[in-house]
Amino acid sequence: MKSLTCGEEFRFNGAVSLQEGENWLAPWRVPFDEARLYFPEGGIGRAAMPSGVSVALVTDAARIEMDYLCSRCPDNIIELAEDVEQLESVDVVVNGRRLGRRALSALKTQETLRLDLGNEDGGDRLVEIWLPLYAQFRLIDLRIEKSATASSPVPNPKRWVHYGGSLSQGMGADSPLTNYVQSSRWRDDLDLVSVARGKGTHMEPLFADLIADLRPRYVTMAVGGMIYLTGSLNQYTYLTNMLGFVKRVIDAVPDSEVVVIVPPMSPRYRDLKGPGGMTAAEMVEMHDATVETVMKWGDKRVHRVRQWADVGESDFLADGIHLTSSAHRRYGEYLAHGIRECVG
């Protein structure tokens, strides 16, 4: 087997930055050396959990070996999940066909993942290893047979950036590709960068600037749920924050289009007042009015998909915030249809 070089023979799709260690590379979803600016309340490790990131290469190899280090996510997240492998697994894809989920060892010790991909025809294929949703990951070495060849895929010319919270990161999904964000992919010629940030999603200006710096053609932003649960914004500040966030992106990238989404929430919250004094139903009403105002300002560059109505208590995990694995897929299909109607 021979080792491959990052950038020449493979690439990290969906990474914002790469942290270089003594013998490893770690993909981050924010600039890793400025992580505290993006997560001032703590939880920096979220940005090193590579939801939406894949190791991608074009190769005629039949076998691939990957040496890695993987760190287990916090216990409170593991306790909520239906299955710990949901959080610490990879999805393997060849030429767009998902071969299945492979579990990783999250014990902070060097391990090797061996993939037998077969290749009876012997031609080049696009191989993607989609990295874990909720476990920090470091790549030590990527190898193929000595007789095989590999090259880094050419990036798609159009980029899609998704901004959201822990549901967007994939809590409850079976595996990286069954996360609702991936399931909502409405076209194949887009490179996804997910800046889902766990407990955050308060429409912070710094994240708007990060998104603008990524030069997206499309932005999807799932906002409102965490704001309701924490009371970080209210009826006096929601409009100004959303307008400011969207304006920073569109002013910097004039050909970008933004689709605003409000995440689904359990029916149990509908009439329950959050810390900001609004019930979930009142928050959604305020959200819809806000988006209408921002859409009028945005001159056909701002769109919305209304909150998913086809959801019940049984579609949520115990906390009533995160979807079960089957609901992730249904919600993604709902969004794909809605986004396609907005932007084609």
C-alpha atoms as a PDB file:
ATOM      1  CA  MET A   1       0.000   0.000   0.000  1.00  0.00           C
ATOM      2  CA  LYS A   2       1.115   3.588  -0.617  1.00  0.00           C
ATOM      3  CA  SER A   3       0.233   6.791   1.215  1.00  0.00           C
ATOM      4  CA  LEU A   4      -1.650   9.617  -0.502  1.00  0.00           C
ATOM      5  CA  THR A   5      -1.016  13.368  -0.282  1.00  0.00           C
ATOM      6  CA  CYS A   6      -3.788  15.746   0.724  1.00  0.00           C
ATOM      7  CA  GLY A   7      -4.539  18.321  -1.966  1.00  0.00           C
ATOM      8  CA  GLU A   8      -2.921  16.298  -4.716  1.00  0.00           C
ATOM      9  CA  GLU A   9      -4.394  12.817  -4.414  1.00  0.00           C
ATOM     10  CA  PHE A  10      -7.403  13.478  -2.175  1.00  0.00           C
ATOM     11  CA  ARG A  11      -9.201  16.415  -0.590  1.00  0.00           C
ATOM     12  CA  PHE A  12     -11.492  17.232   2.311  1.00  0.00           C
ATOM     13  CA  ASN A  13     -14.794  18.334   0.788  1.00  0.00           C
ATOM     14  CA  GLY A  14     -16.797  20.620   3.064  1.00  0.00           C
ATOM     15  CA  ALA A  15     -13.956  21.673   5.385  1.00  0.00           C
ATOM     16  CA  VAL A  16     -13.433  25.354   6.183  1.00  0.00           C
ATOM     17  CA  SER A  17      -9.902  24.845   7.516  1.00  0.00           C
ATOM     18  CA  LEU A  18      -7.396  22.065   8.172  1.00  0.00           C
ATOM     19  CA  GLN A  19      -5.476  21.763  11.424  1.00  0.00           C
ATOM     20  CA  GLU A  20      -2.064  20.160  10.992  1.00  0.00           C
ATOM     21  CA  GLY A  21      -0.634  18.066  13.816  1.00  0.00           C
ATOM     22  CA  GLU A  22       2.649  16.217  14.037  1.00  0.00           C
ATOM     23  CA  ASN A  23       1.350  13.323  11.929  1.00  0.00           C
ATOM     24  CA  TRP A  24      -2.313  14.121  11.302  1.00  0.00           C
ATOM     25  CA  LEU A  25      -4.818  16.460   9.634  1.00  0.00           C
ATOM     26  CA  ALA A  26      -8.107  17.501  11.224  1.00  0.00           C
ATOM     27  CA  PRO A  27     -10.901  19.145   9.203  1.00  0.00           C
ATOM     28  CA  TRP A  28     -12.677  22.030  10.945  1.00  0.00           C
ATOM     29  CA  ARG A  29     -15.898  23.804   9.993  1.00  0.00           C
ATOM     30  CA  VAL A  30     -14.621  27.217  11.144  1.00  0.00           C
ATOM     31  CA  PRO A  31     -11.094  28.680  10.990  1.00  0.00           C
ATOM     32  CA  PHE A  32      -9.594  26.452  13.708  1.00  0.00           C
ATOM     33  CA  ASP A  33      -7.134  29.076  14.966  1.00  0.00           C
ATOM     34  CA  GLU A  34     -10.025  31.504  15.614  1.00  0.00           C
ATOM     35  CA  ALA A  35     -12.506  28.993  17.026  1.00  0.00           C
ATOM     36  CA  ARG A  36     -13.099  30.940  20.256  1.00  0.00           C
ATOM     37  CA  LEU A  37     -14.442  33.868  18.256  1.00  0.00           C
ATOM     38  CA  TYR A  38     -17.157  31.629  16.834  1.00  0.00           C
ATOM     39  CA  PHE A  39     -17.883  29.746  20.070  1.00  0.00           C
ATOM     40  CA  PRO A  40     -17.364  32.316  22.844  1.00  0.00           C
ATOM     41  CA  GLU A  41     -19.654  30.339  25.192  1.00  0.00           C
ATOM     42  CA  GLY A  42     -17.470  27.219  24.826  1.00  0.00           C
ATOM     43  CA  GLY A  43     -18.214  24.044  22.922  1.00  0.00           C
ATOM     44  CA  ILE A  44     -15.393  24.658  20.454  1.00  0.00           C
ATOM     45  CA  GLY A  45     -15.197  20.925  19.774  1.00  0.00           C
ATOM     46  CA  ARG A  46     -18.404  21.153  17.744  1.00  0.00           C
ATOM     47  CA  ALA A  47     -16.472  22.815  14.936  1.00  0.00           C
ATOM     48  CA  ALA A  48     -14.029  19.887  14.841  1.00  0.00           C
ATOM     49  CA  MET A  49     -16.892  17.396  14.461  1.00  0.00           C
ATOM     50  CA  PRO A  50     -16.882  17.034  10.659  1.00  0.00           C
ATOM     51  CA  SER A  51     -20.604  16.910   9.851  1.00  0.00           C
ATOM     52  CA  GLY A  52     -20.905  17.438   6.089  1.00  0.00           C
ATOM     53  CA  VAL A  53     -17.198  16.799   5.446  1.00  0.00           C
ATOM     54  CA  SER A  54     -15.918  13.971   3.257  1.00  0.00           C
ATOM     55  CA  VAL A  55     -12.539  12.566   2.262  1.00  0.00           C
ATOM     56  CA  ALA A  56     -12.847  12.469  -1.533  1.00  0.00           C
ATOM     57  CA  LEU A  57     -10.604  11.002  -4.226  1.00  0.00           C
ATOM     58  CA  VAL A  58     -10.797   9.826  -7.815  1.00  0.00           C
ATOM     59  CA  THR A  59      -9.134   6.415  -7.930  1.00  0.00           C
ATOM     60  CA  ASP A  60      -9.053   3.004  -9.583  1.00  0.00           C
ATOM     61  CA  ALA A  61      -8.180   1.385  -6.246  1.00  0.00           C
ATOM     62  CA  ALA A  62     -10.100  -1.662  -5.085  1.00  0.00           C
ATOM     63  CA  ARG A  63      -8.936  -1.289  -1.474  1.00  0.00           C
ATOM     64  CA  ILE A  64      -8.439   1.744   0.736  1.00  0.00           C
ATOM     65  CA  GLU A  65      -6.977   1.942   4.229  1.00  0.00           C
ATOM     66  CA  MET A  66      -7.441   4.922   6.518  1.00  0.00           C
ATOM     67  CA  ASP A  67      -5.509   5.418   9.776  1.00  0.00           C
ATOM     68  CA  TYR A  68      -7.319   7.805  12.099  1.00  0.00           C
ATOM     69  CA  LEU A  69      -7.919   9.098  15.607  1.00  0.00           C
ATOM     70  CA  CYS A  70     -11.528   9.594  16.686  1.00  0.00           C
ATOM     71  CA  SER A  71     -12.732  11.178  19.942  1.00  0.00           C
ATOM     72  CA  ARG A  72     -16.050  10.272  21.549  1.00  0.00           C
ATOM     73  CA  CYS A  73     -18.594  13.035  21.910  1.00  0.00           C
ATOM     74  CA  PRO A  74     -19.941  14.095  25.353  1.00  0.00           C
ATOM     75  CA  ASP A  75     -22.031  11.629  27.366  1.00  0.00           C
ATOM     76  CA  ASN A  76     -25.159  13.785  27.295  1.00  0.00           C
ATOM     77  CA  ILE A  77     -25.210  13.511  23.501  1.00  0.00           C
ATOM     78  CA  ILE A  78     -24.574   9.759  23.546  1.00  0.00           C
ATOM     79  CA  GLU A  79     -27.417   9.246  26.048  1.00  0.00           C
ATOM     80  CA  LEU A  80     -29.860  11.030  23.760  1.00  0.00           C
ATOM     81  CA  ALA A  81     -28.937   9.097  20.597  1.00  0.00           C
ATOM     82  CA  GLU A  82     -30.797   5.971  19.524  1.00  0.00           C
ATOM     83  CA  ASP A  83     -27.477   4.313  18.673  1.00  0.00           C
ATOM     84  CA  VAL A  84     -23.911   5.484  19.384  1.00  0.00           C
ATOM     85  CA  GLU A  85     -22.830   4.359  15.905  1.00  0.00           C
ATOM     86  CA  GLN A  86     -25.060   7.111  14.533  1.00  0.00           C
ATOM     87  CA  LEU A  87     -22.600   9.599  15.981  1.00  0.00           C
ATOM     88  CA  GLU A  88     -19.286   7.864  15.312  1.00  0.00           C
ATOM     89  CA  SER A  89     -19.624   6.236  11.880  1.00  0.00           C
ATOM     90  CA  VAL A  90     -18.716   7.047   8.284  1.00  0.00           C
ATOM     91  CA  ASP A  91     -20.692   6.554   5.088  1.00  0.00           C
ATOM     92  CA  VAL A  92     -18.854   5.128   2.084  1.00  0.00           C
ATOM     93  CA  VAL A  93     -19.941   6.232  -1.392  1.00  0.00           C
ATOM     94  CA  VAL A  94     -18.626   5.157  -4.822  1.00  0.00           C
ATOM     95  CA  ASN A  95     -19.745   7.124  -7.893  1.00  0.00           C
ATOM     96  CA  GLY A  96     -22.713   8.453  -5.957  1.00  0.00           C
ATOM     97  CA  ARG A  97     -23.865   5.040  -4.718  1.00  0.00           C
ATOM     98  CA  ARG A  98     -23.903   4.654  -0.935  1.00  0.00           C
ATOM     99  CA  LEU A  99     -22.293   1.356   0.060  1.00  0.00           C
ATOM    100  CA  GLY A 100     -23.286   1.677   3.702  1.00  0.00           C
ATOM    101  CA  ARG A 101     -22.255   2.781   7.161  1.00  0.00           C
ATOM    102  CA  ARG A 102     -18.998   1.748   8.813  1.00  0.00           C
ATOM    103  CA  ALA A 103     -18.438   2.234  12.542  1.00  0.00           C
ATOM    104  CA  LEU A 104     -15.302   3.935  13.834  1.00  0.00           C
ATOM    105  CA  SER A 105     -13.559   3.404  17.141  1.00  0.00           C
ATOM    106  CA  ALA A 106     -13.812   6.588  19.229  1.00  0.00           C
ATOM    107  CA  LEU A 107     -11.230   5.738  21.884  1.00  0.00           C
ATOM    108  CA  LYS A 108      -8.566   8.353  20.991  1.00  0.00           C
ATOM    109  CA  THR A 109      -6.170   5.621  19.890  1.00  0.00           C
ATOM    110  CA  GLN A 110      -4.872   5.103  16.373  1.00  0.00           C
ATOM    111  CA  GLU A 111      -7.137   2.758  14.431  1.00  0.00           C
ATOM    112  CA  THR A 112      -7.374   1.606  10.827  1.00  0.00           C
ATOM    113  CA  LEU A 113     -10.493   1.480   8.668  1.00  0.00           C
ATOM    114  CA  ARG A 114     -10.141  -0.988   5.791  1.00  0.00           C
ATOM    115  CA  LEU A 115     -12.494  -0.681   2.824  1.00  0.00           C
ATOM    116  CA  ASP A 116     -12.795  -3.355   0.150  1.00  0.00           C
ATOM    117  CA  LEU A 117     -14.485  -1.517  -2.721  1.00  0.00           C
ATOM    118  CA  GLY A 118     -13.915  -3.995  -5.536  1.00  0.00           C
ATOM    119  CA  ASN A 119     -13.306  -2.732  -9.072  1.00  0.00           C
ATOM    120  CA  GLU A 120     -13.811  -5.375 -11.715  1.00  0.00           C
ATOM    121  CA  ASP A 121     -13.792  -2.839 -14.571  1.00  0.00           C
ATOM    122  CA  GLY A 122     -10.586  -1.210 -13.361  1.00  0.00           C
ATOM    123  CA  GLY A 123     -11.573   2.370 -14.157  1.00  0.00           C
ATOM    124  CA  ASP A 124     -11.417   5.538 -12.082  1.00  0.00           C
ATOM    125  CA  ARG A 125     -14.279   6.214  -9.690  1.00  0.00           C
ATOM    126  CA  LEU A 126     -15.170   8.991  -7.279  1.00  0.00           C
ATOM    127  CA  VAL A 127     -14.807   7.600  -3.750  1.00  0.00           C
ATOM    128  CA  GLU A 128     -16.185   9.593  -0.808  1.00  0.00           C
ATOM    129  CA  ILE A 129     -15.820   8.744   2.866  1.00  0.00           C
ATOM    130  CA  TRP A 130     -18.302  10.948   4.716  1.00  0.00           C
ATOM    131  CA  LEU A 131     -16.955  11.660   8.191  1.00  0.00           C
ATOM    132  CA  PRO A 132     -18.767  11.415  11.566  1.00  0.00           C
ATOM    133  CA  LEU A 133     -21.551  13.757  12.623  1.00  0.00           C
ATOM    134  CA  TYR A 134     -20.643  14.089  16.294  1.00  0.00           C
ATOM    135  CA  ALA A 135     -17.135  12.733  16.856  1.00  0.00           C
ATOM    136  CA  GLN A 136     -13.937  14.719  16.420  1.00  0.00           C
ATOM    137  CA  PHE A 137     -11.747  13.192  13.719  1.00  0.00           C
ATOM    138  CA  ARG A 138      -8.070  13.259  12.763  1.00  0.00           C
ATOM    139  CA  LEU A 139      -6.711  11.622   9.627  1.00  0.00           C
ATOM    140  CA  ILE A 140      -3.266  10.072  10.061  1.00  0.00           C
ATOM    141  CA  ASP A 141      -2.819   8.282   6.736  1.00  0.00           C
ATOM    142  CA  LEU A 142      -4.806   7.337   3.628  1.00  0.00           C
ATOM    143  CA  ARG A 143      -3.493   4.464   1.515  1.00  0.00           C
ATOM    144  CA  ILE A 144      -4.301   2.572  -1.695  1.00  0.00           C
ATOM    145  CA  GLU A 145      -2.617  -0.343  -3.495  1.00  0.00           C
ATOM    146  CA  LYS A 146       0.798   0.469  -4.942  1.00  0.00           C
ATOM    147  CA  SER A 147      -0.424  -0.247  -8.476  1.00  0.00           C
ATOM    148  CA  ALA A 148      -3.459   2.061  -8.167  1.00  0.00           C
ATOM    149  CA  THR A 149      -3.686   5.756  -8.979  1.00  0.00           C
ATOM    150  CA  ALA A 150      -5.488   8.618  -7.225  1.00  0.00           C
ATOM    151  CA  SER A 151      -6.172  12.300  -7.787  1.00  0.00           C
ATOM    152  CA  SER A 152      -8.019  15.051  -5.966  1.00  0.00           C
ATOM    153  CA  PRO A 153     -11.509  15.713  -7.392  1.00  0.00           C
ATOM    154  CA  VAL A 154     -12.156  19.051  -9.060  1.00  0.00           C
ATOM    155  CA  PRO A 155     -14.472  21.115  -6.793  1.00  0.00           C
ATOM    156  CA  ASN A 156     -17.945  21.911  -8.057  1.00  0.00           C
ATOM    157  CA  PRO A 157     -18.116  25.540  -9.229  1.00  0.00           C
ATOM    158  CA  LYS A 158     -21.167  26.227  -7.055  1.00  0.00           C
ATOM    159  CA  ARG A 159     -21.195  26.035  -3.267  1.00  0.00           C
ATOM    160  CA  TRP A 160     -24.088  25.528  -0.865  1.00  0.00           C
ATOM    161  CA  VAL A 161     -23.588  26.618   2.753  1.00  0.00           C
ATOM    162  CA  HIS A 162     -25.962  25.481   5.486  1.00  0.00           C
ATOM    163  CA  TYR A 163     -26.220  27.314   8.817  1.00  0.00           C
ATOM    164  CA  GLY A 164     -28.123  25.677  11.664  1.00  0.00           C
ATOM    165  CA  GLY A 165     -27.989  24.038  15.087  1.00  0.00           C
ATOM    166  CA  SER A 166     -27.580  20.551  16.540  1.00  0.00           C
ATOM    167  CA  LEU A 167     -30.424  19.126  14.454  1.00  0.00           C
ATOM    168  CA  SER A 168     -28.613  20.380  11.350  1.00  0.00           C
ATOM    169  CA  GLN A 169     -25.397  18.828  12.637  1.00  0.00           C
ATOM    170  CA  GLY A 170     -27.270  15.521  12.506  1.00  0.00           C
ATOM    171  CA  MET A 171     -28.441  14.593  15.995  1.00  0.00           C
ATOM    172  CA  GLY A 172     -30.714  11.562  15.575  1.00  0.00           C
ATOM    173  CA  ALA A 173     -29.688  10.717  12.003  1.00  0.00           C
ATOM    174  CA  ASP A 174     -28.573   7.153  11.217  1.00  0.00           C
ATOM    175  CA  SER A 175     -25.308   8.239   9.604  1.00  0.00           C
ATOM    176  CA  PRO A 176     -23.657  11.213   7.872  1.00  0.00           C
ATOM    177  CA  LEU A 177     -25.623  10.914   4.630  1.00  0.00           C
ATOM    178  CA  THR A 178     -29.020  10.352   6.275  1.00  0.00           C
ATOM    179  CA  ASN A 179     -28.818  13.662   8.131  1.00  0.00           C
ATOM    180  CA  TYR A 180     -31.722  15.870   7.003  1.00  0.00           C
ATOM    181  CA  VAL A 181     -29.309  18.410   5.519  1.00  0.00           C
ATOM    182  CA  GLN A 182     -27.827  15.801   3.189  1.00  0.00           C
ATOM    183  CA  SER A 183     -31.290  14.393   2.511  1.00  0.00           C
ATOM    184  CA  SER A 184     -32.449  17.863   1.433  1.00  0.00           C
ATOM    185  CA  ARG A 185     -29.840  18.066  -1.337  1.00  0.00           C
ATOM    186  CA  TRP A 186     -31.987  19.256  -4.244  1.00  0.00           C
ATOM    187  CA  ARG A 187     -29.278  19.144  -6.932  1.00  0.00           C
ATOM    188  CA  ASP A 188     -26.019  17.251  -7.446  1.00  0.00           C
ATOM    189  CA  ASP A 189     -23.705  20.000  -8.702  1.00  0.00           C
ATOM    190  CA  LEU A 190     -23.192  21.721  -5.341  1.00  0.00           C
ATOM    191  CA  ASP A 191     -20.371  21.384  -2.817  1.00  0.00           C
ATOM    192  CA  LEU A 192     -21.873  21.504   0.686  1.00  0.00           C
ATOM    193  CA  VAL A 193     -20.246  23.279   3.611  1.00  0.00           C
ATOM    194  CA  SER A 194     -22.161  22.866   6.877  1.00  0.00           C
ATOM    195  CA  VAL A 195     -21.534  25.442   9.589  1.00  0.00           C
ATOM    196  CA  ALA A 196     -24.153  23.863  11.863  1.00  0.00           C
ATOM    197  CA  ARG A 197     -22.989  24.884  15.298  1.00  0.00           C
ATOM    198  CA  GLY A 198     -24.826  22.859  17.877  1.00  0.00           C
ATOM    199  CA  LYS A 199     -26.435  24.891  20.614  1.00  0.00           C
ATOM    200  CA  GLY A 200     -25.807  28.158  18.799  1.00  0.00           C
ATOM    201  CA  THR A 201     -27.591  29.570  15.767  1.00  0.00           C
ATOM    202  CA  HIS A 202     -28.395  33.021  17.082  1.00  0.00           C
ATOM    203  CA  MET A 203     -27.682  34.795  13.753  1.00  0.00           C
ATOM    204  CA  GLU A 204     -24.326  36.114  14.901  1.00  0.00           C
ATOM    205  CA  PRO A 205     -22.592  38.571  12.510  1.00  0.00           C
ATOM    206  CA  LEU A 206     -19.348  36.575  12.646  1.00  0.00           C
ATOM    207  CA  PHE A 207     -21.064  33.544  11.111  1.00  0.00           C
ATOM    208  CA  ALA A 208     -22.631  35.728   8.419  1.00  0.00           C
ATOM    209  CA  ASP A 209     -19.143  36.948   7.506  1.00  0.00           C
ATOM    210  CA  LEU A 210     -17.801  33.383   7.503  1.00  0.00           C
ATOM    211  CA  ILE A 211     -20.588  32.307   5.157  1.00  0.00           C
ATOM    212  CA  ALA A 212     -19.920  35.285   2.880  1.00  0.00           C
ATOM    213  CA  ASP A 213     -16.202  34.448   2.778  1.00  0.00           C
ATOM    214  CA  LEU A 214     -17.119  30.972   1.474  1.00  0.00           C
ATOM    215  CA  ARG A 215     -18.688  32.651  -1.604  1.00  0.00           C
ATOM    216  CA  PRO A 216     -21.843  30.514  -1.693  1.00  0.00           C
ATOM    217  CA  ARG A 217     -24.286  30.324  -4.569  1.00  0.00           C
ATOM    218  CA  TYR A 218     -26.962  29.139  -2.122  1.00  0.00           C
ATOM    219  CA  VAL A 219     -27.368  29.530   1.640  1.00  0.00           C
ATOM    220  CA  THR A 220     -29.892  27.646   3.747  1.00  0.00           C
ATOM    221  CA  MET A 221     -30.321  28.894   7.306  1.00  0.00           C
ATOM    222  CA  ALA A 222     -32.379  26.970   9.868  1.00  0.00           C
ATOM    223  CA  VAL A 223     -33.102  29.472  12.630  1.00  0.00           C
ATOM    224  CA  GLY A 224     -35.635  30.170  15.346  1.00  0.00           C
ATOM    225  CA  GLY A 225     -35.732  26.985  17.396  1.00  0.00           C
ATOM    226  CA  MET A 226     -32.690  27.668  19.552  1.00  0.00           C
ATOM    227  CA  ILE A 227     -33.661  31.311  19.864  1.00  0.00           C
ATOM    228  CA  TYR A 228     -37.025  30.219  21.296  1.00  0.00           C
ATOM    229  CA  LEU A 229     -35.397  27.727  23.678  1.00  0.00           C
ATOM    230  CA  THR A 230     -32.806  30.177  25.024  1.00  0.00           C
ATOM    231  CA  GLY A 231     -34.539  33.533  24.689  1.00  0.00           C
ATOM    232  CA  SER A 232     -31.439  35.005  23.024  1.00  0.00           C
ATOM    233  CA  LEU A 233     -33.583  37.210  20.756  1.00  0.00           C
ATOM    234  CA  ASN A 234     -37.127  38.541  21.080  1.00  0.00           C
ATOM    235  CA  GLN A 235     -39.841  40.368  19.152  1.00  0.00           C
ATOM    236  CA  TYR A 236     -37.743  43.558  19.276  1.00  0.00           C
ATOM    237  CA  THR A 237     -34.506  42.092  17.949  1.00  0.00           C
ATOM    238  CA  TYR A 238     -35.437  39.143  15.711  1.00  0.00           C
ATOM    239  CA  LEU A 239     -36.098  41.203  12.579  1.00  0.00           C
ATOM    240  CA  THR A 240     -33.008  43.386  12.886  1.00  0.00           C
ATOM    241  CA  ASN A 241     -30.746  40.387  13.517  1.00  0.00           C
ATOM    242  CA  MET A 242     -32.119  38.362  10.617  1.00  0.00           C
ATOM    243  CA  LEU A 243     -32.021  41.306   8.241  1.00  0.00           C
ATOM    244  CA  GLY A 244     -28.482  42.151   9.300  1.00  0.00           C
ATOM    245  CA  PHE A 245     -27.346  38.538   8.909  1.00  0.00           C
ATOM    246  CA  VAL A 246     -28.853  38.087   5.447  1.00  0.00           C
ATOM    247  CA  LYS A 247     -27.718  41.544   4.287  1.00  0.00           C
ATOM    248  CA  ARG A 248     -24.077  40.830   5.213  1.00  0.00           C
ATOM    249  CA  VAL A 249     -24.160  37.711   3.032  1.00  0.00           C
ATOM    250  CA  ILE A 250     -26.007  39.140   0.040  1.00  0.00           C
ATOM    251  CA  ASP A 251     -24.075  42.420  -0.006  1.00  0.00           C
ATOM    252  CA  ALA A 252     -20.796  40.488  -0.076  1.00  0.00           C
ATOM    253  CA  VAL A 253     -22.000  37.866  -2.602  1.00  0.00           C
ATOM    254  CA  PRO A 254     -24.545  39.570  -4.886  1.00  0.00           C
ATOM    255  CA  ASP A 255     -25.379  36.421  -6.879  1.00  0.00           C
ATOM    256  CA  SER A 256     -26.136  34.335  -3.774  1.00  0.00           C
ATOM    257  CA  GLU A 257     -29.635  33.255  -2.789  1.00  0.00           C
ATOM    258  CA  VAL A 258     -30.772  32.603   0.781  1.00  0.00           C
ATOM    259  CA  VAL A 259     -33.484  30.170   1.861  1.00  0.00           C
ATOM    260  CA  VAL A 260     -34.723  30.658   5.445  1.00  0.00           C
ATOM    261  CA  ILE A 261     -36.036  27.605   7.331  1.00  0.00           C
ATOM    262  CA  VAL A 262     -37.557  27.297  10.801  1.00  0.00           C
ATOM    263  CA  PRO A 263     -36.789  23.871  12.322  1.00  0.00           C
ATOM    264  CA  PRO A 264     -39.613  21.531  13.364  1.00  0.00           C
ATOM    265  CA  MET A 265     -40.394  21.298  17.063  1.00  0.00           C
ATOM    266  CA  SER A 266     -42.368  18.840  19.137  1.00  0.00           C
ATOM    267  CA  PRO A 267     -46.093  19.644  19.595  1.00  0.00           C
ATOM    268  CA  ARG A 268     -45.418  19.745  23.341  1.00  0.00           C
ATOM    269  CA  TYR A 269     -43.752  23.182  22.900  1.00  0.00           C
ATOM    270  CA  ARG A 270     -46.527  24.799  20.897  1.00  0.00           C
ATOM    271  CA  ASP A 271     -48.185  26.559  23.845  1.00  0.00           C
ATOM    272  CA  LEU A 272     -45.206  26.508  26.213  1.00  0.00           C
ATOM    273  CA  LYS A 273     -43.542  29.856  26.897  1.00  0.00           C
ATOM    274  CA  GLY A 274     -39.781  29.938  26.478  1.00  0.00           C
ATOM    275  CA  PRO A 275     -37.299  32.171  28.365  1.00  0.00           C
ATOM    276  CA  GLY A 276     -38.023  35.011  25.944  1.00  0.00           C
ATOM    277  CA  GLY A 277     -41.709  35.047  26.906  1.00  0.00           C
ATOM    278  CA  MET A 278     -43.051  33.584  23.658  1.00  0.00           C
ATOM    279  CA  THR A 279     -44.612  30.210  23.045  1.00  0.00           C
ATOM    280  CA  ALA A 280     -43.270  28.164  20.148  1.00  0.00           C
ATOM    281  CA  ALA A 281     -46.380  29.018  18.120  1.00  0.00           C
ATOM    282  CA  GLU A 282     -45.847  32.732  18.770  1.00  0.00           C
ATOM    283  CA  MET A 283     -42.177  32.432  17.826  1.00  0.00           C
ATOM    284  CA  VAL A 284     -43.061  30.812  14.478  1.00  0.00           C
ATOM    285  CA  GLU A 285     -45.634  33.541  13.816  1.00  0.00           C
ATOM    286  CA  MET A 286     -42.985  36.188  14.507  1.00  0.00           C
ATOM    287  CA  HIS A 287     -40.475  34.278  12.359  1.00  0.00           C
ATOM    288  CA  ASP A 288     -42.864  34.172   9.388  1.00  0.00           C
ATOM    289  CA  ALA A 289     -43.580  37.901   9.614  1.00  0.00           C
ATOM    290  CA  THR A 290     -39.856  38.617   9.854  1.00  0.00           C
ATOM    291  CA  VAL A 291     -39.011  36.497   6.819  1.00  0.00           C
ATOM    292  CA  GLU A 292     -41.726  38.223   4.780  1.00  0.00           C
ATOM    293  CA  THR A 293     -40.104  41.570   5.553  1.00  0.00           C
ATOM    294  CA  VAL A 294     -36.611  40.303   4.709  1.00  0.00           C
ATOM    295  CA  MET A 295     -37.897  38.755   1.458  1.00  0.00           C
ATOM    296  CA  LYS A 296     -39.349  42.119   0.363  1.00  0.00           C
ATOM    297  CA  TRP A 297     -36.003  43.759   1.042  1.00  0.00           C
ATOM    298  CA  GLY A 298     -34.033  40.960  -0.613  1.00  0.00           C
ATOM    299  CA  ASP A 299     -35.436  41.555  -4.130  1.00  0.00           C
ATOM    300  CA  LYS A 300     -36.057  37.895  -5.016  1.00  0.00           C
ATOM    301  CA  ARG A 301     -32.760  36.723  -3.519  1.00  0.00           C
ATOM    302  CA  VAL A 302     -34.346  35.663  -0.198  1.00  0.00           C
ATOM    303  CA  HIS A 303     -36.797  32.755   0.025  1.00  0.00           C
ATOM    304  CA  ARG A 304     -38.417  30.620   2.689  1.00  0.00           C
ATOM    305  CA  VAL A 305     -39.695  27.131   3.337  1.00  0.00           C
ATOM    306  CA  ARG A 306     -42.466  27.106   5.929  1.00  0.00           C
ATOM    307  CA  GLN A 307     -42.190  24.986   9.069  1.00  0.00           C
ATOM    308  CA  TRP A 308     -42.782  21.276   8.455  1.00  0.00           C
ATOM    309  CA  ALA A 309     -46.337  20.442   9.507  1.00  0.00           C
ATOM    310  CA  ASP A 310     -46.206  16.656   8.927  1.00  0.00           C
ATOM    311  CA  VAL A 311     -44.503  15.899  12.244  1.00  0.00           C
ATOM    312  CA  GLY A 312     -45.761  14.414  15.504  1.00  0.00           C
ATOM    313  CA  GLU A 313     -44.442  13.629  18.962  1.00  0.00           C
ATOM    314  CA  SER A 314     -43.238  10.178  17.881  1.00  0.00           C
ATOM    315  CA  ASP A 315     -40.918  11.790  15.306  1.00  0.00           C
ATOM    316  CA  PHE A 316     -38.749  13.305  18.031  1.00  0.00           C
ATOM    317  CA  LEU A 317     -36.132  11.972  20.405  1.00  0.00           C
ATOM    318  CA  ALA A 318     -36.784  12.268  24.135  1.00  0.00           C
ATOM    319  CA  ASP A 319     -35.913  15.964  24.279  1.00  0.00           C
ATOM    320  CA  GLY A 320     -38.596  16.939  21.747  1.00  0.00           C
ATOM    321  CA  ILE A 321     -36.037  18.960  19.768  1.00  0.00           C
ATOM    322  CA  HIS A 322     -34.102  16.441  17.673  1.00  0.00           C
ATOM    323  CA  LEU A 323     -35.661  14.202  15.041  1.00  0.00           C
ATOM    324  CA  THR A 324     -35.493  10.417  14.951  1.00  0.00           C
ATOM    325  CA  SER A 325     -33.612   8.809  12.080  1.00  0.00           C
ATOM    326  CA  SER A 326     -36.733   8.091   9.998  1.00  0.00           C
ATOM    327  CA  ALA A 327     -38.001  11.646  10.499  1.00  0.00           C
ATOM    328  CA  HIS A 328     -34.629  13.043   9.352  1.00  0.00           C
ATOM    329  CA  ARG A 329     -35.137  11.448   5.951  1.00  0.00           C
ATOM    330  CA  ARG A 330     -38.763  12.603   5.637  1.00  0.00           C
ATOM    331  CA  TYR A 331     -37.877  16.132   6.671  1.00  0.00           C
ATOM    332  CA  GLY A 332     -35.004  16.241   4.189  1.00  0.00           C
ATOM    333  CA  GLU A 333     -37.362  15.195   1.379  1.00  0.00           C
ATOM    334  CA  TYR A 334     -39.816  17.913   2.433  1.00  0.00           C
ATOM    335  CA  LEU A 335     -37.079  20.561   2.353  1.00  0.00           C
ATOM    336  CA  ALA A 336     -35.662  19.370  -0.977  1.00  0.00           C
ATOM    337  CA  HIS A 337     -39.082  19.863  -2.549  1.00  0.00           C
ATOM    338  CA  GLY A 338     -39.511  23.263  -0.933  1.00  0.00           C
ATOM    339  CA  ILE A 339     -36.032  24.535  -1.817  1.00  0.00           C
ATOM    340  CA  ARG A 340     -36.388  23.348  -5.407  1.00  0.00           C
ATOM    341  CA  GLU A 341     -39.606  25.347  -5.715  1.00  0.00           C
ATOM    342  CA  CYS A 342     -37.776  28.431  -4.427  1.00  0.00           C
ATOM    343  CA  VAL A 343     -34.532  28.405  -6.387  1.00  0.00           C
ATOM    344  CA  GLY A 344     -34.913  25.701  -9.065  1.00  0.00           C
END
